[in-house]
Amino acid sequence: MTVEETNSLRRAFRVEGVHYEVVKNTLVQQAVTGSPMDSLVPYFKGNTAIAFHPEDPVAPARVLMKFAKGNTKISVKAGWLDGRVLDAEGVKALATLPGKDELRSKLLSVFIGVPTQFVRVLIAGPQTFVQVLQARAQQLGA
């Protein structure tokens, strides 16, 4: 990748709060050997970078897949989620999931939707009665 492409990718990660580092394969292999991430060792060959978000596992995958769509020089080797190794297709599937903020907003709309609908039902009776009275008043006035 060119310097401009790399900087563009770093900017996109930074906007989402994703940590991104190009790593030395031998150091990472030594660091993960004997840990639960030991199954990632075969993927540390060639040029390798690690991207992660401390709270939202979807954010790095979403940014990377969006960037890789327009760039053939970058590819996904593997991912790590909840103690499991994801292949490139698994990372692509992860990228299509809604992010944490989107899920929070959907949950909030569900919480707000039920009371709102209840209030609308309570108001409907008196509101309809008032509309009938207004229509009758208009009939008598004409």
C-alpha atoms as a PDB file:
ATOM      1  CA  MET A   1       0.000   0.000   0.000  1.00  0.00           C
ATOM      2  CA  THR A   2       1.118   3.536  -0.581  1.00  0.00           C
ATOM      3  CA  VAL A   3       1.749   5.944   2.267  1.00  0.00           C
ATOM      4  CA  GLU A   4      -1.429   7.878   1.405  1.00  0.00           C
ATOM      5  CA  GLU A   5      -3.529   4.678   1.483  1.00  0.00           C
ATOM      6  CA  THR A   6      -2.015   3.675   4.804  1.00  0.00           C
ATOM      7  CA  ASN A   7      -2.661   7.114   6.268  1.00  0.00           C
ATOM      8  CA  SER A   8      -6.231   6.991   4.986  1.00  0.00           C
ATOM      9  CA  LEU A   9      -6.764   3.628   6.672  1.00  0.00           C
ATOM     10  CA  ARG A  10      -5.250   4.897   9.927  1.00  0.00           C
ATOM     11  CA  ARG A  11      -7.535   7.971   9.819  1.00  0.00           C
ATOM     12  CA  ALA A  12     -10.598   5.784   9.286  1.00  0.00           C
ATOM     13  CA  PHE A  13      -9.605   3.612  12.255  1.00  0.00           C
ATOM     14  CA  ARG A  14      -8.891   6.661  14.426  1.00  0.00           C
ATOM     15  CA  VAL A  15     -12.344   8.137  13.724  1.00  0.00           C
ATOM     16  CA  GLU A  16     -13.965   4.904  14.981  1.00  0.00           C
ATOM     17  CA  GLY A  17     -11.684   4.687  18.033  1.00  0.00           C
ATOM     18  CA  VAL A  18      -9.931   1.563  16.745  1.00  0.00           C
ATOM     19  CA  HIS A  19      -6.336   0.825  17.737  1.00  0.00           C
ATOM     20  CA  TYR A  20      -4.246  -0.162  14.719  1.00  0.00           C
ATOM     21  CA  GLU A  21      -0.612  -1.277  14.692  1.00  0.00           C
ATOM     22  CA  VAL A  22       1.676  -2.910  12.169  1.00  0.00           C
ATOM     23  CA  VAL A  23       3.389  -5.672  14.126  1.00  0.00           C
ATOM     24  CA  LYS A  24       6.521  -7.762  13.971  1.00  0.00           C
ATOM     25  CA  ASN A  25       5.413 -11.347  13.409  1.00  0.00           C
ATOM     26  CA  THR A  26       8.072 -13.049  15.551  1.00  0.00           C
ATOM     27  CA  LEU A  27       7.295 -10.843  18.568  1.00  0.00           C
ATOM     28  CA  VAL A  28       3.552 -11.436  18.328  1.00  0.00           C
ATOM     29  CA  GLN A  29       4.058 -15.181  17.845  1.00  0.00           C
ATOM     30  CA  GLN A  30       6.154 -15.289  21.008  1.00  0.00           C
ATOM     31  CA  ALA A  31       3.604 -13.169  22.890  1.00  0.00           C
ATOM     32  CA  VAL A  32       0.587 -15.339  22.025  1.00  0.00           C
ATOM     33  CA  THR A  33       2.278 -18.728  22.349  1.00  0.00           C
ATOM     34  CA  GLY A  34       0.865 -20.487  25.396  1.00  0.00           C
ATOM     35  CA  SER A  35      -2.091 -18.121  25.669  1.00  0.00           C
ATOM     36  CA  PRO A  36      -5.697 -18.649  24.561  1.00  0.00           C
ATOM     37  CA  MET A  37      -4.748 -16.849  21.317  1.00  0.00           C
ATOM     38  CA  ASP A  38      -2.219 -19.560  20.472  1.00  0.00           C
ATOM     39  CA  SER A  39      -4.346 -20.671  17.503  1.00  0.00           C
ATOM     40  CA  LEU A  40      -3.572 -17.352  15.751  1.00  0.00           C
ATOM     41  CA  VAL A  41       0.160 -18.123  15.376  1.00  0.00           C
ATOM     42  CA  PRO A  42      -0.127 -19.582  11.820  1.00  0.00           C
ATOM     43  CA  TYR A  43      -1.658 -16.313  10.584  1.00  0.00           C
ATOM     44  CA  PHE A  44       1.385 -14.195  11.494  1.00  0.00           C
ATOM     45  CA  LYS A  45       3.256 -14.500   8.209  1.00  0.00           C
ATOM     46  CA  GLY A  46       4.025 -11.737   5.733  1.00  0.00           C
ATOM     47  CA  ASN A  47       2.987  -8.133   6.373  1.00  0.00           C
ATOM     48  CA  THR A  48       0.690  -8.109   9.373  1.00  0.00           C
ATOM     49  CA  ALA A  49      -1.238  -5.479  11.266  1.00  0.00           C
ATOM     50  CA  ILE A  50      -3.557  -5.769  14.244  1.00  0.00           C
ATOM     51  CA  ALA A  51      -6.692  -3.675  14.695  1.00  0.00           C
ATOM     52  CA  PHE A  52      -8.924  -3.808  17.771  1.00  0.00           C
ATOM     53  CA  HIS A  53     -11.503  -1.755  19.644  1.00  0.00           C
ATOM     54  CA  PRO A  54     -11.706  -2.031  23.449  1.00  0.00           C
ATOM     55  CA  GLU A  55     -15.530  -2.097  23.504  1.00  0.00           C
ATOM     56  CA  ASP A  56     -16.963  -2.719  20.029  1.00  0.00           C
ATOM     57  CA  PRO A  57     -15.655  -5.816  18.193  1.00  0.00           C
ATOM     58  CA  VAL A  58     -17.601  -4.877  15.049  1.00  0.00           C
ATOM     59  CA  ALA A  59     -15.886  -1.490  14.509  1.00  0.00           C
ATOM     60  CA  PRO A  60     -12.482  -2.757  13.257  1.00  0.00           C
ATOM     61  CA  ALA A  61     -14.103  -5.310  10.942  1.00  0.00           C
ATOM     62  CA  ARG A  62     -16.531  -2.729   9.530  1.00  0.00           C
ATOM     63  CA  VAL A  63     -13.794  -0.145   8.832  1.00  0.00           C
ATOM     64  CA  LEU A  64     -11.456  -2.736   7.337  1.00  0.00           C
ATOM     65  CA  MET A  65     -14.093  -4.271   5.053  1.00  0.00           C
ATOM     66  CA  LYS A  66     -15.191  -0.830   3.865  1.00  0.00           C
ATOM     67  CA  PHE A  67     -11.557   0.086   3.095  1.00  0.00           C
ATOM     68  CA  ALA A  68     -10.775  -3.288   1.478  1.00  0.00           C
ATOM     69  CA  LYS A  69     -13.780  -2.968  -0.840  1.00  0.00           C
ATOM     70  CA  GLY A  70     -12.039  -0.234  -2.803  1.00  0.00           C
ATOM     71  CA  ASN A  71      -8.486  -1.513  -2.359  1.00  0.00           C
ATOM     72  CA  THR A  72      -7.109  -4.825  -3.619  1.00  0.00           C
ATOM     73  CA  LYS A  73      -3.764  -4.409  -1.848  1.00  0.00           C
ATOM     74  CA  ILE A  74      -5.200  -5.218   1.581  1.00  0.00           C
ATOM     75  CA  SER A  75      -6.634  -8.521   2.735  1.00  0.00           C
ATOM     76  CA  VAL A  76      -7.965  -9.983   5.944  1.00  0.00           C
ATOM     77  CA  LYS A  77      -6.122 -12.992   7.315  1.00  0.00           C
ATOM     78  CA  ALA A  78      -8.090 -13.770  10.469  1.00  0.00           C
ATOM     79  CA  GLY A  79      -9.959 -12.337  13.405  1.00  0.00           C
ATOM     80  CA  TRP A  80     -10.397 -13.117  17.068  1.00  0.00           C
ATOM     81  CA  LEU A  81     -13.752 -12.898  18.865  1.00  0.00           C
ATOM     82  CA  ASP A  82     -14.725 -14.329  22.244  1.00  0.00           C
ATOM     83  CA  GLY A  83     -11.985 -16.943  22.284  1.00  0.00           C
ATOM     84  CA  ARG A  84     -12.499 -18.117  18.712  1.00  0.00           C
ATOM     85  CA  VAL A  85     -10.504 -17.587  15.543  1.00  0.00           C
ATOM     86  CA  LEU A  86     -12.510 -16.163  12.657  1.00  0.00           C
ATOM     87  CA  ASP A  87     -11.415 -16.720   9.084  1.00  0.00           C
ATOM     88  CA  ALA A  88     -11.709 -13.952   6.478  1.00  0.00           C
ATOM     89  CA  GLU A  89     -15.360 -14.863   5.780  1.00  0.00           C
ATOM     90  CA  GLY A  90     -16.114 -14.725   9.507  1.00  0.00           C
ATOM     91  CA  VAL A  91     -14.653 -11.225   9.711  1.00  0.00           C
ATOM     92  CA  LYS A  92     -16.763 -10.176   6.711  1.00  0.00           C
ATOM     93  CA  ALA A  93     -19.860 -11.544   8.444  1.00  0.00           C
ATOM     94  CA  LEU A  94     -18.895  -9.696  11.634  1.00  0.00           C
ATOM     95  CA  ALA A  95     -18.596  -6.457   9.661  1.00  0.00           C
ATOM     96  CA  THR A  96     -22.241  -6.702   8.593  1.00  0.00           C
ATOM     97  CA  LEU A  97     -23.528  -6.821  12.179  1.00  0.00           C
ATOM     98  CA  PRO A  98     -24.808  -3.585  13.710  1.00  0.00           C
ATOM     99  CA  GLY A  99     -22.399  -1.804  16.030  1.00  0.00           C
ATOM    100  CA  LYS A 100     -22.824  -1.335  19.758  1.00  0.00           C
ATOM    101  CA  ASP A 101     -24.276   2.166  19.412  1.00  0.00           C
ATOM    102  CA  GLU A 102     -26.797   0.982  16.809  1.00  0.00           C
ATOM    103  CA  LEU A 103     -27.912  -1.859  19.071  1.00  0.00           C
ATOM    104  CA  ARG A 104     -28.254   0.521  22.016  1.00  0.00           C
ATOM    105  CA  SER A 105     -30.423   2.889  19.973  1.00  0.00           C
ATOM    106  CA  LYS A 106     -32.647   0.013  18.815  1.00  0.00           C
ATOM    107  CA  LEU A 107     -33.070  -1.191  22.401  1.00  0.00           C
ATOM    108  CA  LEU A 108     -33.881   2.339  23.561  1.00  0.00           C
ATOM    109  CA  SER A 109     -36.513   2.707  20.836  1.00  0.00           C
ATOM    110  CA  VAL A 110     -38.123  -0.527  22.031  1.00  0.00           C
ATOM    111  CA  PHE A 111     -38.171   0.764  25.628  1.00  0.00           C
ATOM    112  CA  ILE A 112     -39.686   4.090  24.558  1.00  0.00           C
ATOM    113  CA  GLY A 113     -42.087   2.617  22.000  1.00  0.00           C
ATOM    114  CA  VAL A 114     -44.285   0.660  24.428  1.00  0.00           C
ATOM    115  CA  PRO A 115     -45.102   3.564  26.797  1.00  0.00           C
ATOM    116  CA  THR A 116     -45.604   5.901  23.831  1.00  0.00           C
ATOM    117  CA  GLN A 117     -48.117   3.533  22.241  1.00  0.00           C
ATOM    118  CA  PHE A 118     -49.887   3.116  25.611  1.00  0.00           C
ATOM    119  CA  VAL A 119     -50.279   6.894  25.974  1.00  0.00           C
ATOM    120  CA  ARG A 120     -51.631   7.120  22.410  1.00  0.00           C
ATOM    121  CA  VAL A 121     -54.266   4.487  23.217  1.00  0.00           C
ATOM    122  CA  LEU A 122     -55.273   6.331  26.393  1.00  0.00           C
ATOM    123  CA  ILE A 123     -55.605   9.635  24.535  1.00  0.00           C
ATOM    124  CA  ALA A 124     -57.485   8.161  21.542  1.00  0.00           C
ATOM    125  CA  GLY A 125     -60.883   7.903  23.316  1.00  0.00           C
ATOM    126  CA  PRO A 126     -61.152  11.485  24.584  1.00  0.00           C
ATOM    127  CA  GLN A 127     -59.558  12.830  21.394  1.00  0.00           C
ATOM    128  CA  THR A 128     -62.136  11.051  19.224  1.00  0.00           C
ATOM    129  CA  PHE A 129     -64.957  12.337  21.463  1.00  0.00           C
ATOM    130  CA  VAL A 130     -63.712  15.928  21.087  1.00  0.00           C
ATOM    131  CA  GLN A 131     -63.512  15.517  17.301  1.00  0.00           C
ATOM    132  CA  VAL A 132     -67.127  14.261  17.208  1.00  0.00           C
ATOM    133  CA  LEU A 133     -68.244  17.271  19.270  1.00  0.00           C
ATOM    134  CA  GLN A 134     -66.381  19.658  16.922  1.00  0.00           C
ATOM    135  CA  ALA A 135     -67.983  18.061  13.869  1.00  0.00           C
ATOM    136  CA  ARG A 136     -71.471  18.350  15.440  1.00  0.00           C
ATOM    137  CA  ALA A 137     -70.834  21.991  16.346  1.00  0.00           C
ATOM    138  CA  GLN A 138     -69.854  22.695  12.743  1.00  0.00           C
ATOM    139  CA  GLN A 139     -73.034  21.004  11.512  1.00  0.00           C
ATOM    140  CA  LEU A 140     -75.225  23.053  13.836  1.00  0.00           C
ATOM    141  CA  GLY A 141     -73.368  26.268  13.004  1.00  0.00           C
ATOM    142  CA  ALA A 142     -73.911  25.808   9.279  1.00  0.00           C
END
